[in-house]
Each structure stands twice: as structure tokens, then as C-alpha cells.
Amino acid sequence: MIELAPLYNATYSLAPPRIMEDTPSGTLVLFQVTSGRVEGERLRGSVRELSGDWVTIRPDGRVGALDVRVTIETDDGAAILVTYCGRTIIEGRPGAAPLYIAPLFTTGDERYSFLNEVQAVGKGVLSEDLSRLEYEVYELR
């Protein structure tokens, strides 16, 4: 049986998106993550540079496929790369449907090496004005 253990809550601030329409795979919506914070019992830190959120809206306009890279610097100085893919249903206004994600972690810092073995899942919401993204992230056990 699958167990879910809370890992962290995340809040990201986003720059206005750059939109590329009519690509072969659909519409690309490119977000720069300008700042953010993750808060959990075993992981606390801030989003660093080189973080971005790419969404591909399929040609039928119904599904958004997420491809995200976020760099976290923990409060005690460790660097952690968080990568995840996911899905959201596009329904009317932005933020109307939740975003579902499957994060993976990469770090060379021994204090956080447990993350290299974690498969996580999360559920998020995007603000209507596209400036803020919030997630609840859980470790699968």
C-alpha cells in the first residue's frame, strides 16, 4: 500500500510568462521562477537563480504538460535541484484546475542525500494572475 508523508509546502513567485504559439507540440508558456520558498520538517530553503517552469499546452487546448527545474538553497547552505513533470487540465481561466506533479531531487550534500532516493508527488494551484504558484509535496513510501 502506498503511504504519503508530508515533505514540504512550496510557494513560487513567477515573472510574466513568455508565450510561444503554434509550435509543433502546441502552445509553450515559459515562466521564470523569480523567488520562492520551501518549508517542511526535513527541508527548508529558498529558490535560487536558474529556476523555470515550462508548460506545453497541447494542440487540443485541453491539457498542459509541465516541465520544471527549480534550484533550492537550504537554510543551512546545501544546493538541491528539483525536477518534475506533471499535468494540469486547462479549464477556462488560469488556475481553475490543480496541477499534479512528480518531483525528483538531486544533491551532493550528505545532509540531504536521502532526497536522492525519494519519489515525491504534489498538488498545486496557480494564481489567476499567473504570478504565484503553491504546492503541497509528499514523499511516497
C-alpha atoms as a PDB file:
ATOM      1  CA  MET A   1       0.000   0.000   0.000  1.00  0.00           C
ATOM      2  CA  ILE A   2       1.278   3.491  -0.835  1.00  0.00           C
ATOM      3  CA  GLU A   3       1.837   5.912   2.024  1.00  0.00           C
ATOM      4  CA  LEU A   4       2.185   9.676   1.680  1.00  0.00           C
ATOM      5  CA  ALA A   5       4.463  11.523   4.112  1.00  0.00           C
ATOM      6  CA  PRO A   6       4.441  15.354   4.060  1.00  0.00           C
ATOM      7  CA  LEU A   7       7.735  16.604   2.612  1.00  0.00           C
ATOM      8  CA  TYR A   8       7.221  20.367   2.153  1.00  0.00           C
ATOM      9  CA  ASN A   9       4.962  23.193   1.057  1.00  0.00           C
ATOM     10  CA  ALA A  10       6.298  25.433  -1.690  1.00  0.00           C
ATOM     11  CA  THR A  11       5.433  28.940  -2.793  1.00  0.00           C
ATOM     12  CA  TYR A  12       6.935  30.338  -6.004  1.00  0.00           C
ATOM     13  CA  SER A  13       6.715  33.861  -7.442  1.00  0.00           C
ATOM     14  CA  LEU A  14       6.626  33.929 -11.236  1.00  0.00           C
ATOM     15  CA  ALA A  15       7.632  36.549 -13.805  1.00  0.00           C
ATOM     16  CA  PRO A  16       5.035  37.265 -16.510  1.00  0.00           C
ATOM     17  CA  PRO A  17       5.074  34.321 -18.914  1.00  0.00           C
ATOM     18  CA  ARG A  18       6.506  34.312 -22.394  1.00  0.00           C
ATOM     19  CA  ILE A  19       4.063  32.610 -24.752  1.00  0.00           C
ATOM     20  CA  MET A  20       5.053  30.864 -27.969  1.00  0.00           C
ATOM     21  CA  GLU A  21       2.009  29.904 -30.022  1.00  0.00           C
ATOM     22  CA  ASP A  22       1.634  27.474 -32.903  1.00  0.00           C
ATOM     23  CA  THR A  23       4.679  25.314 -32.206  1.00  0.00           C
ATOM     24  CA  PRO A  24       4.514  21.713 -33.482  1.00  0.00           C
ATOM     25  CA  SER A  25       3.753  20.456 -29.958  1.00  0.00           C
ATOM     26  CA  GLY A  26       1.251  23.201 -29.101  1.00  0.00           C
ATOM     27  CA  THR A  27       1.484  26.464 -27.196  1.00  0.00           C
ATOM     28  CA  LEU A  28       4.517  26.912 -24.934  1.00  0.00           C
ATOM     29  CA  VAL A  29       4.113  29.011 -21.807  1.00  0.00           C
ATOM     30  CA  LEU A  30       7.502  29.788 -20.270  1.00  0.00           C
ATOM     31  CA  PHE A  31       7.697  31.036 -16.682  1.00  0.00           C
ATOM     32  CA  GLN A  32      10.774  32.242 -14.832  1.00  0.00           C
ATOM     33  CA  VAL A  33      10.607  31.451 -11.129  1.00  0.00           C
ATOM     34  CA  THR A  34      11.844  34.725  -9.601  1.00  0.00           C
ATOM     35  CA  SER A  35      11.743  33.707  -5.942  1.00  0.00           C
ATOM     36  CA  GLY A  36      10.202  31.142  -3.674  1.00  0.00           C
ATOM     37  CA  ARG A  37      10.359  29.162  -0.518  1.00  0.00           C
ATOM     38  CA  VAL A  38      10.024  25.520   0.516  1.00  0.00           C
ATOM     39  CA  GLU A  39       9.064  24.719   4.105  1.00  0.00           C
ATOM     40  CA  GLY A  40       8.966  21.252   5.628  1.00  0.00           C
ATOM     41  CA  GLU A  41      10.146  19.302   8.638  1.00  0.00           C
ATOM     42  CA  ARG A  42      13.266  17.978   6.848  1.00  0.00           C
ATOM     43  CA  LEU A  43      13.682  20.565   4.085  1.00  0.00           C
ATOM     44  CA  ARG A  44      13.644  24.368   4.315  1.00  0.00           C
ATOM     45  CA  GLY A  45      15.129  26.745   1.801  1.00  0.00           C
ATOM     46  CA  SER A  46      14.804  29.396  -0.860  1.00  0.00           C
ATOM     47  CA  VAL A  47      14.565  29.206  -4.636  1.00  0.00           C
ATOM     48  CA  ARG A  48      17.706  30.327  -6.428  1.00  0.00           C
ATOM     49  CA  GLU A  49      18.526  31.516  -9.938  1.00  0.00           C
ATOM     50  CA  LEU A  50      18.195  29.223 -12.918  1.00  0.00           C
ATOM     51  CA  SER A  51      14.704  28.106 -11.980  1.00  0.00           C
ATOM     52  CA  GLY A  52      11.979  27.823 -14.581  1.00  0.00           C
ATOM     53  CA  ASP A  53       8.582  26.343 -15.293  1.00  0.00           C
ATOM     54  CA  TRP A  54       7.712  25.342 -18.849  1.00  0.00           C
ATOM     55  CA  VAL A  55       4.162  24.401 -19.755  1.00  0.00           C
ATOM     56  CA  THR A  56       3.192  22.893 -23.097  1.00  0.00           C
ATOM     57  CA  ILE A  57      -0.490  23.250 -23.890  1.00  0.00           C
ATOM     58  CA  ARG A  58      -1.369  20.510 -26.317  1.00  0.00           C
ATOM     59  CA  PRO A  59      -2.867  21.464 -29.682  1.00  0.00           C
ATOM     60  CA  ASP A  60      -6.345  20.421 -28.489  1.00  0.00           C
ATOM     61  CA  GLY A  61      -6.036  23.096 -25.778  1.00  0.00           C
ATOM     62  CA  ARG A  62      -7.180  20.752 -23.005  1.00  0.00           C
ATOM     63  CA  VAL A  63      -4.027  19.515 -21.226  1.00  0.00           C
ATOM     64  CA  GLY A  64      -0.958  21.373 -20.014  1.00  0.00           C
ATOM     65  CA  ALA A  65       2.205  19.275 -19.631  1.00  0.00           C
ATOM     66  CA  LEU A  66       4.623  20.649 -17.020  1.00  0.00           C
ATOM     67  CA  ASP A  67       8.426  20.504 -17.189  1.00  0.00           C
ATOM     68  CA  VAL A  68      10.098  22.260 -14.246  1.00  0.00           C
ATOM     69  CA  ARG A  69      13.606  22.816 -12.889  1.00  0.00           C
ATOM     70  CA  VAL A  70      13.946  24.557  -9.520  1.00  0.00           C
ATOM     71  CA  THR A  71      17.201  25.137  -7.640  1.00  0.00           C
ATOM     72  CA  ILE A  72      16.836  25.266  -3.858  1.00  0.00           C
ATOM     73  CA  GLU A  73      19.415  26.579  -1.411  1.00  0.00           C
ATOM     74  CA  THR A  74      18.599  25.188   2.007  1.00  0.00           C
ATOM     75  CA  ASP A  75      18.728  27.409   5.070  1.00  0.00           C
ATOM     76  CA  ASP A  76      21.960  25.641   6.042  1.00  0.00           C
ATOM     77  CA  GLY A  77      23.617  26.142   2.630  1.00  0.00           C
ATOM     78  CA  ALA A  78      23.010  22.933   0.652  1.00  0.00           C
ATOM     79  CA  ALA A  79      22.174  23.068  -3.066  1.00  0.00           C
ATOM     80  CA  ILE A  80      19.321  20.857  -4.280  1.00  0.00           C
ATOM     81  CA  LEU A  81      17.976  20.543  -7.811  1.00  0.00           C
ATOM     82  CA  VAL A  82      14.279  19.676  -8.000  1.00  0.00           C
ATOM     83  CA  THR A  83      12.985  18.461 -11.370  1.00  0.00           C
ATOM     84  CA  TYR A  84       9.449  17.462 -12.115  1.00  0.00           C
ATOM     85  CA  CYS A  85       6.943  16.768 -14.801  1.00  0.00           C
ATOM     86  CA  GLY A  86       3.225  16.888 -14.350  1.00  0.00           C
ATOM     87  CA  ARG A  87      -0.167  17.674 -15.807  1.00  0.00           C
ATOM     88  CA  THR A  88      -2.990  20.139 -15.474  1.00  0.00           C
ATOM     89  CA  ILE A  89      -6.318  20.344 -17.232  1.00  0.00           C
ATOM     90  CA  ILE A  90      -6.871  23.682 -18.943  1.00  0.00           C
ATOM     91  CA  GLU A  91     -10.348  24.854 -17.895  1.00  0.00           C
ATOM     92  CA  GLY A  92     -11.351  28.402 -18.683  1.00  0.00           C
ATOM     93  CA  ARG A  93      -9.388  30.817 -16.524  1.00  0.00           C
ATOM     94  CA  PRO A  94      -5.802  30.157 -15.373  1.00  0.00           C
ATOM     95  CA  GLY A  95      -5.605  28.449 -12.020  1.00  0.00           C
ATOM     96  CA  ALA A  96      -9.054  26.879 -12.278  1.00  0.00           C
ATOM     97  CA  ALA A  97      -7.682  23.315 -12.210  1.00  0.00           C
ATOM     98  CA  PRO A  98      -4.995  21.879  -9.920  1.00  0.00           C
ATOM     99  CA  LEU A  99      -1.527  20.943 -11.137  1.00  0.00           C
ATOM    100  CA  TYR A 100      -0.261  17.428 -10.366  1.00  0.00           C
ATOM    101  CA  ILE A 101       3.492  16.833 -10.215  1.00  0.00           C
ATOM    102  CA  ALA A 102       6.069  14.075  -9.598  1.00  0.00           C
ATOM    103  CA  PRO A 103       9.281  15.681  -8.225  1.00  0.00           C
ATOM    104  CA  LEU A 104      12.744  14.106  -8.141  1.00  0.00           C
ATOM    105  CA  PHE A 105      15.711  15.533  -6.243  1.00  0.00           C
ATOM    106  CA  THR A 106      19.452  15.710  -6.878  1.00  0.00           C
ATOM    107  CA  THR A 107      22.051  16.829  -4.361  1.00  0.00           C
ATOM    108  CA  GLY A 108      25.651  16.109  -3.475  1.00  0.00           C
ATOM    109  CA  ASP A 109      25.233  17.320   0.101  1.00  0.00           C
ATOM    110  CA  GLU A 110      25.410  14.382   2.512  1.00  0.00           C
ATOM    111  CA  ARG A 111      22.919  16.007   4.914  1.00  0.00           C
ATOM    112  CA  TYR A 112      20.215  15.767   2.254  1.00  0.00           C
ATOM    113  CA  SER A 113      21.341  12.589   0.467  1.00  0.00           C
ATOM    114  CA  PHE A 114      18.063  10.906   1.481  1.00  0.00           C
ATOM    115  CA  LEU A 115      16.370  13.097  -1.142  1.00  0.00           C
ATOM    116  CA  ASN A 116      18.308  11.368  -3.945  1.00  0.00           C
ATOM    117  CA  GLU A 117      16.189   8.271  -3.238  1.00  0.00           C
ATOM    118  CA  VAL A 118      12.811   9.979  -2.837  1.00  0.00           C
ATOM    119  CA  GLN A 119       9.959   9.854  -5.333  1.00  0.00           C
ATOM    120  CA  ALA A 120       7.536  12.615  -4.456  1.00  0.00           C
ATOM    121  CA  VAL A 121       4.108  13.694  -5.645  1.00  0.00           C
ATOM    122  CA  GLY A 122       2.395  17.007  -5.272  1.00  0.00           C
ATOM    123  CA  LYS A 123      -0.667  19.063  -5.960  1.00  0.00           C
ATOM    124  CA  GLY A 124      -0.565  22.743  -6.723  1.00  0.00           C
ATOM    125  CA  VAL A 125      -2.551  25.782  -7.661  1.00  0.00           C
ATOM    126  CA  LEU A 126      -1.642  28.695  -9.940  1.00  0.00           C
ATOM    127  CA  SER A 127      -2.997  32.145  -9.140  1.00  0.00           C
ATOM    128  CA  GLU A 128      -5.424  33.720 -11.624  1.00  0.00           C
ATOM    129  CA  ASP A 129      -2.920  36.454 -12.472  1.00  0.00           C
ATOM    130  CA  LEU A 130      -0.193  33.818 -13.131  1.00  0.00           C
ATOM    131  CA  SER A 131       2.190  35.407 -10.605  1.00  0.00           C
ATOM    132  CA  ARG A 132       2.152  32.819  -7.812  1.00  0.00           C
ATOM    133  CA  LEU A 133       2.303  29.041  -7.617  1.00  0.00           C
ATOM    134  CA  GLU A 134       1.747  26.980  -4.469  1.00  0.00           C
ATOM    135  CA  TYR A 135       2.343  23.253  -3.954  1.00  0.00           C
ATOM    136  CA  GLU A 136       1.887  20.619  -1.278  1.00  0.00           C
ATOM    137  CA  VAL A 137       4.550  17.937  -1.817  1.00  0.00           C
ATOM    138  CA  TYR A 138       4.565  14.443  -0.325  1.00  0.00           C
ATOM    139  CA  GLU A 139       7.118  11.647  -0.234  1.00  0.00           C
ATOM    140  CA  LEU A 140       5.868   8.278  -1.484  1.00  0.00           C
ATOM    141  CA  ARG A 141       6.664   5.428   0.902  1.00  0.00           C
END
